[in-house]
Amino acid sequence: KMAGAWTRKEGKNPAGGLNAKGRASLRAEGHNIKRPVSAQEAHHSEMAAGRRRSFCARMQGMKKQLTSAATAHDPNSRINKSLRKWDCR
């Protein structure tokens, strides 16, 4: 059996995150996926702001500990694309 599209290239958006096929495969596995929260959207909802803060803190910690120096500074790495998508600084 093949892994879900969200784990393969065909389910990933080149600009970062997942495309429609990737989101559909993740939902089919029972995950409750939500779209990224930008800084602008976080101003309108405290719940969205908390979700964004949590994601940014978690991903920046992963970037610091789990990536090589080359990946950490590569603007095209998946982790840097996701941090940009969420407007993390």
C-alpha atoms as a PDB file:
ATOM      1  CA  LYS A   1       0.000   0.000   0.000  1.00  0.00           C
ATOM      2  CA  MET A   2       1.260   3.451  -0.907  1.00  0.00           C
ATOM      3  CA  ALA A   3       1.531   6.269   1.613  1.00  0.00           C
ATOM      4  CA  GLY A   4      -0.932   9.172   1.416  1.00  0.00           C
ATOM      5  CA  ALA A   5      -0.385  11.888  -1.184  1.00  0.00           C
ATOM      6  CA  TRP A   6       0.385  14.365   1.598  1.00  0.00           C
ATOM      7  CA  THR A   7       3.663  12.509   2.264  1.00  0.00           C
ATOM      8  CA  ARG A   8       4.714  12.496  -1.379  1.00  0.00           C
ATOM      9  CA  LYS A   9       5.639  15.229  -3.848  1.00  0.00           C
ATOM     10  CA  GLU A  10       2.296  14.975  -5.669  1.00  0.00           C
ATOM     11  CA  GLY A  11       0.460  16.204  -2.557  1.00  0.00           C
ATOM     12  CA  LYS A  12       2.728  19.158  -1.788  1.00  0.00           C
ATOM     13  CA  ASN A  13       2.338  22.717  -3.009  1.00  0.00           C
ATOM     14  CA  PRO A  14       5.563  24.093  -4.557  1.00  0.00           C
ATOM     15  CA  ALA A  15       5.031  27.348  -2.623  1.00  0.00           C
ATOM     16  CA  GLY A  16       4.806  25.507   0.693  1.00  0.00           C
ATOM     17  CA  GLY A  17       2.155  23.469   2.446  1.00  0.00           C
ATOM     18  CA  LEU A  18      -0.193  20.994   0.795  1.00  0.00           C
ATOM     19  CA  ASN A  19      -2.195  21.187  -2.401  1.00  0.00           C
ATOM     20  CA  ALA A  20      -5.815  20.021  -2.755  1.00  0.00           C
ATOM     21  CA  LYS A  21      -4.815  16.399  -3.360  1.00  0.00           C
ATOM     22  CA  GLY A  22      -2.572  16.399  -0.283  1.00  0.00           C
ATOM     23  CA  ARG A  23      -5.290  17.904   1.933  1.00  0.00           C
ATOM     24  CA  ALA A  24      -7.842  15.379   0.629  1.00  0.00           C
ATOM     25  CA  SER A  25      -5.537  12.433   1.377  1.00  0.00           C
ATOM     26  CA  LEU A  26      -4.864  13.740   4.889  1.00  0.00           C
ATOM     27  CA  ARG A  27      -8.594  14.135   5.568  1.00  0.00           C
ATOM     28  CA  ALA A  28      -9.186  10.601   4.235  1.00  0.00           C
ATOM     29  CA  GLU A  29      -6.811   9.332   6.934  1.00  0.00           C
ATOM     30  CA  GLY A  30      -8.927  11.060   9.578  1.00  0.00           C
ATOM     31  CA  HIS A  31      -6.845  14.178  10.251  1.00  0.00           C
ATOM     32  CA  ASN A  32      -8.553  17.500  10.919  1.00  0.00           C
ATOM     33  CA  ILE A  33      -6.455  19.801   8.737  1.00  0.00           C
ATOM     34  CA  LYS A  34      -6.931  23.550   8.791  1.00  0.00           C
ATOM     35  CA  ARG A  35      -5.432  26.257   6.630  1.00  0.00           C
ATOM     36  CA  PRO A  36      -2.535  28.472   7.805  1.00  0.00           C
ATOM     37  CA  VAL A  37      -3.294  31.592   9.859  1.00  0.00           C
ATOM     38  CA  SER A  38      -1.542  34.745   8.668  1.00  0.00           C
ATOM     39  CA  ALA A  39      -0.632  37.635  10.948  1.00  0.00           C
ATOM     40  CA  GLN A  40      -3.511  39.655   9.485  1.00  0.00           C
ATOM     41  CA  GLU A  41      -6.047  36.918  10.277  1.00  0.00           C
ATOM     42  CA  ALA A  42      -4.654  36.495  13.786  1.00  0.00           C
ATOM     43  CA  HIS A  43      -5.702  40.079  14.607  1.00  0.00           C
ATOM     44  CA  HIS A  44      -9.356  39.134  14.156  1.00  0.00           C
ATOM     45  CA  SER A  45      -9.487  36.042  16.357  1.00  0.00           C
ATOM     46  CA  GLU A  46      -7.725  35.227  19.620  1.00  0.00           C
ATOM     47  CA  MET A  47      -8.150  31.515  18.909  1.00  0.00           C
ATOM     48  CA  ALA A  48      -6.467  31.863  15.511  1.00  0.00           C
ATOM     49  CA  ALA A  49      -3.721  33.990  17.073  1.00  0.00           C
ATOM     50  CA  GLY A  50      -3.003  31.285  19.651  1.00  0.00           C
ATOM     51  CA  ARG A  51      -2.878  28.614  16.963  1.00  0.00           C
ATOM     52  CA  ARG A  52      -0.456  30.722  14.933  1.00  0.00           C
ATOM     53  CA  ARG A  53       1.798  31.419  17.942  1.00  0.00           C
ATOM     54  CA  SER A  54       1.891  27.727  18.778  1.00  0.00           C
ATOM     55  CA  PHE A  55       2.714  26.691  15.212  1.00  0.00           C
ATOM     56  CA  CYS A  56       5.445  29.312  14.807  1.00  0.00           C
ATOM     57  CA  ALA A  57       7.106  28.415  18.109  1.00  0.00           C
ATOM     58  CA  ARG A  58       6.975  24.686  17.340  1.00  0.00           C
ATOM     59  CA  MET A  59       8.320  25.011  13.795  1.00  0.00           C
ATOM     60  CA  GLN A  60      11.066  27.463  14.706  1.00  0.00           C
ATOM     61  CA  GLY A  61      12.210  25.018  17.383  1.00  0.00           C
ATOM     62  CA  MET A  62      12.225  22.222  14.801  1.00  0.00           C
ATOM     63  CA  LYS A  63      14.176  24.397  12.395  1.00  0.00           C
ATOM     64  CA  LYS A  64      16.761  25.114  15.051  1.00  0.00           C
ATOM     65  CA  GLN A  65      17.219  21.519  16.235  1.00  0.00           C
ATOM     66  CA  LEU A  66      16.301  19.237  13.349  1.00  0.00           C
ATOM     67  CA  THR A  67      17.745  20.895  10.255  1.00  0.00           C
ATOM     68  CA  SER A  68      21.248  21.317   8.953  1.00  0.00           C
ATOM     69  CA  ALA A  69      22.762  24.776   8.552  1.00  0.00           C
ATOM     70  CA  ALA A  70      22.303  24.521   4.776  1.00  0.00           C
ATOM     71  CA  THR A  71      18.603  23.666   5.097  1.00  0.00           C
ATOM     72  CA  ALA A  72      17.998  26.330   7.738  1.00  0.00           C
ATOM     73  CA  HIS A  73      19.283  29.054   5.379  1.00  0.00           C
ATOM     74  CA  ASP A  74      17.776  27.651   2.171  1.00  0.00           C
ATOM     75  CA  PRO A  75      14.729  29.762   1.186  1.00  0.00           C
ATOM     76  CA  ASN A  76      13.321  26.808  -0.781  1.00  0.00           C
ATOM     77  CA  SER A  77      13.365  24.295   2.094  1.00  0.00           C
ATOM     78  CA  ARG A  78       9.949  22.971   3.169  1.00  0.00           C
ATOM     79  CA  ILE A  79      10.338  24.333   6.708  1.00  0.00           C
ATOM     80  CA  ASN A  80      11.186  27.854   5.526  1.00  0.00           C
ATOM     81  CA  LYS A  81       8.290  27.807   3.058  1.00  0.00           C
ATOM     82  CA  SER A  82       5.864  26.845   5.833  1.00  0.00           C
ATOM     83  CA  LEU A  83       7.214  29.565   8.153  1.00  0.00           C
ATOM     84  CA  ARG A  84       6.706  32.127   5.377  1.00  0.00           C
ATOM     85  CA  LYS A  85       3.180  30.846   4.691  1.00  0.00           C
ATOM     86  CA  TRP A  86       2.276  31.376   8.352  1.00  0.00           C
ATOM     87  CA  ASP A  87       4.062  34.805   8.500  1.00  0.00           C
ATOM     88  CA  CYS A  88       6.387  33.576  11.261  1.00  0.00           C
ATOM     89  CA  ARG A  89       9.344  35.847  11.965  1.00  0.00           C
END
